[in-house]
Amino acid sequence: MKRLTAFLLAGMLAMTALSACSSPKKEDKASATDAPSSTYASSAKNEKSGEEVDTDVASSNASDEERKNDPASVALSDYIKNAKESVIILPGGSEKRCAIPEILIDSSDAKAANREIVEKYGDYFDDPEGHNYVTELNYEAYLYDKFLSVYVKNKVDGGNSYGLCYCFDITNGNELSAEKLCSMTDHDYNTAISVLKTHLTSYYDDKYSQLSGNDEMRRQTLADSNIKASKLFLNDAHELTAMVQIYAAVGGGNWVETIPAE
């Protein structure tokens, strides 16, 4: 009896083992979508050139362009830098610091302005001794909203100033006329011209009313054609300002001054 019981028990254990070996394995619950994401940047080909482009770099460049076209996130250094600069040691040990700007906007208007600046002032750096009558050469640049204003100025012996002036829309690179700048900043152009003439008249008569034989020069300065030819820009206080030609029977005959237009 004991032998029969042992035989039956051994048979049952063998059948259990065979059943375990033949049962299918359970599937892994993790699917393909649960795999960890790639830690390297893929590359893509430029459709035009066929070259491989790092998508991280392409994305970064696109972000830079978007940032530069977003007035709220730009910096002045994105749009202007020194084109040339030098320090000239004058007799007696004093220094004359000179600099002219390069406008960092990719537009035909900006490129034309850069050419004009270098053509007019570039040789000051190549031949400083030949321009020792120049006492100051530098520039001011202001970035406000989407407007980049650049004012290049130089002073000569006697105190007269000369210069160039530009105002750009950084979103498209266009240089703005006085009328366009006024319309984009909610100023009435005719009002701005009238205010400019009032300020210019006051400035001129305060300085040159005592000059004899100056009537024609005064008329030339205050003529509508001269005032409307002025270059408007936004100063550091974001106010409309004009670079105006001044004519007077003193100090070489003509120069420029910056006069408020609001």
Protein backbone atom coordinates (compact mmCIF):
# COMPACT_ATOMS: atom_id res chain seq x y z
CA MET A 1 0.00 0.00 0.00
CA LYS A 2 2.77 2.38 0.87
CA ARG A 3 4.50 1.51 -2.37
CA LEU A 4 1.33 2.31 -4.38
CA THR A 5 0.88 5.64 -2.64
CA ALA A 6 4.46 6.66 -3.34
CA PHE A 7 4.07 5.68 -6.99
CA LEU A 8 0.92 7.82 -7.38
CA LEU A 9 2.54 10.82 -5.68
CA ALA A 10 5.56 10.63 -7.99
CA GLY A 11 3.25 10.56 -11.01
CA MET A 12 1.38 13.67 -9.87
CA LEU A 13 4.65 15.59 -9.35
CA ALA A 14 5.84 14.67 -12.84
CA MET A 15 2.60 15.90 -14.44
CA THR A 16 2.83 19.21 -12.54
CA ALA A 17 6.36 19.80 -13.76
CA LEU A 18 5.37 19.08 -17.37
CA SER A 19 2.44 21.52 -17.11
CA ALA A 20 4.73 24.33 -15.81
CA CYS A 21 7.22 23.84 -18.62
CA SER A 22 4.55 24.02 -21.34
CA SER A 23 2.71 27.20 -20.11
CA PRO A 24 3.44 30.44 -22.19
CA LYS A 25 5.55 33.27 -20.71
CA LYS A 26 3.78 36.46 -19.71
CA GLU A 27 4.53 39.48 -21.98
CA ASP A 28 6.67 42.34 -20.66
CA LYS A 29 4.31 45.13 -19.69
CA ALA A 30 6.72 47.85 -20.97
CA SER A 31 5.95 48.80 -24.57
CA ALA A 32 8.20 50.48 -27.22
CA THR A 33 6.81 53.87 -26.35
CA ASP A 34 8.11 53.51 -22.81
CA ALA A 35 11.74 53.39 -23.96
CA PRO A 36 13.92 56.29 -22.74
CA SER A 37 14.16 59.25 -25.16
CA SER A 38 17.33 59.80 -27.16
CA THR A 39 20.01 61.89 -25.45
CA TYR A 40 21.73 63.04 -28.69
CA ALA A 41 20.63 65.60 -31.21
CA SER A 42 19.56 64.25 -34.54
CA SER A 43 20.63 65.99 -37.72
CA ALA A 44 18.63 67.04 -40.73
CA LYS A 45 19.65 67.96 -44.24
CA ASN A 46 19.28 71.45 -45.56
CA GLU A 47 16.77 71.12 -48.40
CA LYS A 48 18.65 73.55 -50.61
CA SER A 49 22.26 72.45 -50.07
CA GLY A 50 21.83 68.83 -48.97
CA GLU A 51 24.26 69.42 -46.11
CA GLU A 52 23.62 67.92 -42.70
CA VAL A 53 22.53 70.49 -40.16
CA ASP A 54 22.56 69.98 -36.42
CA THR A 55 18.95 70.55 -35.42
CA ASP A 56 20.03 72.00 -32.07
CA VAL A 57 22.13 74.61 -33.90
CA ALA A 58 19.36 75.32 -36.39
CA SER A 59 16.90 75.74 -33.56
CA SER A 60 19.30 78.04 -31.73
CA ASN A 61 19.81 80.20 -34.82
CA ALA A 62 16.06 80.42 -35.35
CA SER A 63 15.60 81.43 -31.72
CA ASP A 64 18.23 84.17 -32.11
CA GLU A 65 16.44 85.56 -35.15
CA GLU A 66 13.09 85.48 -33.36
CA ARG A 67 14.65 87.23 -30.37
CA LYS A 68 16.20 89.94 -32.54
CA ASN A 69 12.82 90.57 -34.16
CA ASP A 70 11.13 90.80 -30.78
CA PRO A 71 11.66 94.37 -29.51
CA ALA A 72 10.99 93.26 -25.94
CA SER A 73 13.99 90.91 -25.82
CA VAL A 74 16.74 92.68 -27.77
CA ALA A 75 19.83 94.50 -26.59
CA LEU A 76 21.60 97.45 -28.15
CA SER A 77 24.71 95.33 -28.69
CA ASP A 78 22.68 93.15 -31.07
CA TYR A 79 22.42 96.05 -33.47
CA ILE A 80 25.54 98.19 -33.19
CA LYS A 81 29.24 97.89 -32.45
CA ASN A 82 32.42 99.89 -32.94
CA ALA A 83 33.52 99.78 -36.56
CA LYS A 84 36.78 101.58 -35.77
CA GLU A 85 38.15 103.06 -32.59
CA SER A 86 41.41 104.51 -31.35
CA VAL A 87 42.96 106.60 -28.63
CA ILE A 88 45.13 109.45 -29.84
CA ILE A 89 47.63 110.95 -27.42
CA LEU A 90 47.68 114.68 -27.89
CA PRO A 91 50.52 117.10 -27.08
CA GLY A 92 50.67 117.54 -23.32
CA GLY A 93 49.55 113.97 -22.67
CA SER A 94 45.80 114.38 -23.04
CA GLU A 95 43.81 111.79 -24.96
CA LYS A 96 41.35 111.99 -27.81
CA ARG A 97 39.14 108.94 -28.02
CA CYS A 98 37.60 108.29 -31.43
CA ALA A 99 35.03 105.73 -32.53
CA ILE A 100 32.58 105.22 -35.35
CA PRO A 101 29.77 102.65 -35.41
CA GLU A 102 28.85 99.68 -37.53
CA ILE A 103 25.11 99.06 -37.74
CA LEU A 104 24.41 95.34 -37.41
CA ILE A 105 21.23 95.15 -39.47
CA ASP A 106 21.09 93.04 -42.61
CA SER A 107 19.36 95.50 -44.93
CA SER A 108 20.31 97.66 -47.89
CA ASP A 109 19.58 100.82 -45.87
CA ALA A 110 21.91 99.77 -43.03
CA LYS A 111 24.65 98.77 -45.46
CA ALA A 112 24.37 102.13 -47.20
CA ALA A 113 24.62 103.91 -43.85
CA ASN A 114 27.73 101.90 -42.90
CA ARG A 115 29.37 102.82 -46.20
CA GLU A 116 28.55 106.49 -45.69
CA ILE A 117 29.99 106.48 -42.16
CA VAL A 118 33.26 104.83 -43.22
CA GLU A 119 33.61 106.99 -46.34
CA LYS A 120 33.17 110.16 -44.30
CA TYR A 121 35.15 109.28 -41.17
CA GLY A 122 37.27 106.21 -41.87
CA ASP A 123 40.39 108.15 -42.86
CA TYR A 124 40.40 109.88 -39.48
CA PHE A 125 41.81 106.61 -38.15
CA ASP A 126 44.20 106.05 -41.05
CA ASP A 127 45.66 109.55 -40.84
CA PRO A 128 45.04 110.99 -37.35
CA GLU A 129 47.76 113.60 -37.72
CA GLY A 130 46.10 114.91 -40.85
CA HIS A 131 42.91 115.44 -38.84
CA ASN A 132 44.40 117.02 -35.74
CA TYR A 133 41.81 119.79 -35.99
CA VAL A 134 39.21 117.22 -34.91
CA THR A 135 38.72 117.39 -31.16
CA GLU A 136 36.02 114.72 -30.86
CA LEU A 137 34.66 111.87 -32.97
CA ASN A 138 32.20 109.44 -31.48
CA TYR A 139 28.60 108.33 -31.68
CA GLU A 140 25.48 107.81 -29.64
CA ALA A 141 23.03 104.97 -30.21
CA TYR A 142 19.65 104.39 -28.62
CA LEU A 143 17.36 101.38 -28.86
CA TYR A 144 13.76 102.02 -27.93
CA ASP A 145 10.97 99.59 -28.76
CA LYS A 146 11.68 98.72 -32.42
CA PHE A 147 13.59 101.91 -33.18
CA LEU A 148 17.38 102.10 -33.44
CA SER A 149 18.69 105.68 -33.51
CA VAL A 150 22.33 106.39 -34.35
CA TYR A 151 23.96 109.80 -34.21
CA VAL A 152 27.58 110.14 -35.33
CA LYS A 153 29.15 113.44 -34.32
CA ASN A 154 32.51 115.09 -34.54
CA LYS A 155 33.70 118.40 -33.18
CA VAL A 156 36.51 120.53 -34.54
CA ASP A 157 38.65 123.35 -33.25
CA GLY A 158 36.34 126.26 -32.52
CA GLY A 159 33.58 124.05 -31.15
CA ASN A 160 31.47 123.44 -34.26
CA SER A 161 29.83 120.03 -34.66
CA TYR A 162 29.21 117.93 -37.76
CA GLY A 163 27.60 114.57 -38.08
CA LEU A 164 25.38 111.91 -39.55
CA CYS A 165 22.07 110.66 -38.20
CA TYR A 166 19.92 107.58 -38.82
CA CYS A 167 16.81 105.96 -37.40
CA PHE A 168 15.92 102.35 -38.31
CA ASP A 169 12.99 100.04 -37.82
CA ILE A 170 14.77 96.93 -36.52
CA THR A 171 11.95 94.60 -37.60
CA ASN A 172 12.61 95.17 -41.31
CA GLY A 173 15.88 97.15 -41.43
CA ASN A 174 14.36 100.17 -43.14
CA GLU A 175 15.70 103.65 -42.43
CA LEU A 176 12.80 105.83 -41.36
CA SER A 177 12.01 109.20 -42.83
CA ALA A 178 10.84 111.96 -40.49
CA GLU A 179 7.25 111.43 -41.64
CA LYS A 180 7.41 107.67 -41.11
CA LEU A 181 9.01 107.96 -37.68
CA CYS A 182 6.33 110.42 -36.60
CA SER A 183 3.50 108.18 -37.80
CA MET A 184 4.97 105.12 -36.07
CA THR A 185 5.39 106.95 -32.75
CA ASP A 186 1.95 108.62 -32.72
CA HIS A 187 3.32 112.10 -33.47
CA ASP A 188 1.80 114.45 -35.99
CA TYR A 189 4.52 115.33 -38.49
CA ASN A 190 3.38 118.92 -39.08
CA THR A 191 3.17 119.53 -35.34
CA ALA A 192 6.67 118.14 -34.86
CA ILE A 193 8.03 120.44 -37.58
CA SER A 194 6.27 123.42 -36.01
CA VAL A 195 7.66 122.61 -32.55
CA LEU A 196 11.12 122.09 -34.06
CA LYS A 197 10.97 125.50 -35.72
CA THR A 198 9.96 127.15 -32.44
CA HIS A 199 12.87 125.54 -30.56
CA LEU A 200 15.29 126.26 -33.38
CA THR A 201 14.29 129.93 -33.54
CA SER A 202 14.80 130.30 -29.80
CA TYR A 203 18.14 128.51 -29.92
CA TYR A 204 19.39 130.54 -32.87
CA ASP A 205 18.36 133.97 -31.63
CA ASP A 206 19.80 133.32 -28.16
CA LYS A 207 23.20 132.56 -29.67
CA TYR A 208 23.45 134.69 -32.81
CA SER A 209 21.04 137.61 -32.56
CA GLN A 210 23.95 140.01 -32.02
CA LEU A 211 25.82 139.02 -35.19
CA SER A 212 25.88 141.79 -37.77
CA GLY A 213 25.13 140.90 -41.37
CA ASN A 214 23.61 137.59 -40.31
CA ASP A 215 20.05 138.08 -41.56
CA GLU A 216 20.46 135.90 -44.64
CA MET A 217 22.07 133.11 -42.63
CA ARG A 218 19.21 133.27 -40.15
CA ARG A 219 16.63 133.01 -42.94
CA GLN A 220 18.52 130.04 -44.37
CA THR A 221 18.56 128.27 -41.03
CA LEU A 222 14.88 128.84 -40.27
CA ALA A 223 13.65 128.15 -43.81
CA ASP A 224 11.02 125.42 -44.04
CA SER A 225 13.21 123.57 -46.56
CA ASN A 226 16.10 123.39 -44.08
CA ILE A 227 13.90 122.34 -41.18
CA LYS A 228 12.15 119.63 -43.22
CA ALA A 229 15.52 118.33 -44.38
CA SER A 230 16.46 117.67 -40.76
CA LYS A 231 16.99 114.05 -39.69
CA LEU A 232 14.69 112.96 -36.87
CA PHE A 233 15.63 110.35 -34.29
CA LEU A 234 14.70 109.32 -30.74
CA ASN A 235 17.12 110.48 -28.04
CA ASP A 236 18.00 108.67 -24.81
CA ALA A 237 14.76 109.94 -23.26
CA HIS A 238 12.78 108.54 -26.24
CA GLU A 239 11.92 112.06 -27.39
CA LEU A 240 11.79 113.24 -30.98
CA THR A 241 14.99 115.12 -31.72
CA ALA A 242 16.34 116.58 -34.96
CA MET A 243 19.81 117.00 -36.38
CA VAL A 244 19.56 120.43 -38.01
CA GLN A 245 21.92 122.39 -40.23
CA ILE A 246 22.88 125.72 -38.68
CA TYR A 247 24.08 128.64 -40.79
CA ALA A 248 25.71 131.72 -39.31
CA ALA A 249 28.23 134.37 -40.29
CA VAL A 250 30.75 132.94 -37.84
CA GLY A 251 32.78 129.78 -37.25
CA GLY A 252 33.01 128.44 -40.80
CA GLY A 253 29.48 129.18 -41.92
CA ASN A 254 27.57 125.96 -41.20
CA TRP A 255 27.46 122.99 -38.83
CA VAL A 256 24.82 120.85 -37.14
CA GLU A 257 23.05 120.90 -33.80
CA THR A 258 20.49 118.61 -32.16
CA ILE A 259 17.23 120.43 -31.44
CA PRO A 260 14.08 119.05 -29.72
CA ALA A 261 11.07 118.37 -31.93
CA GLU A 262 8.54 117.85 -29.14
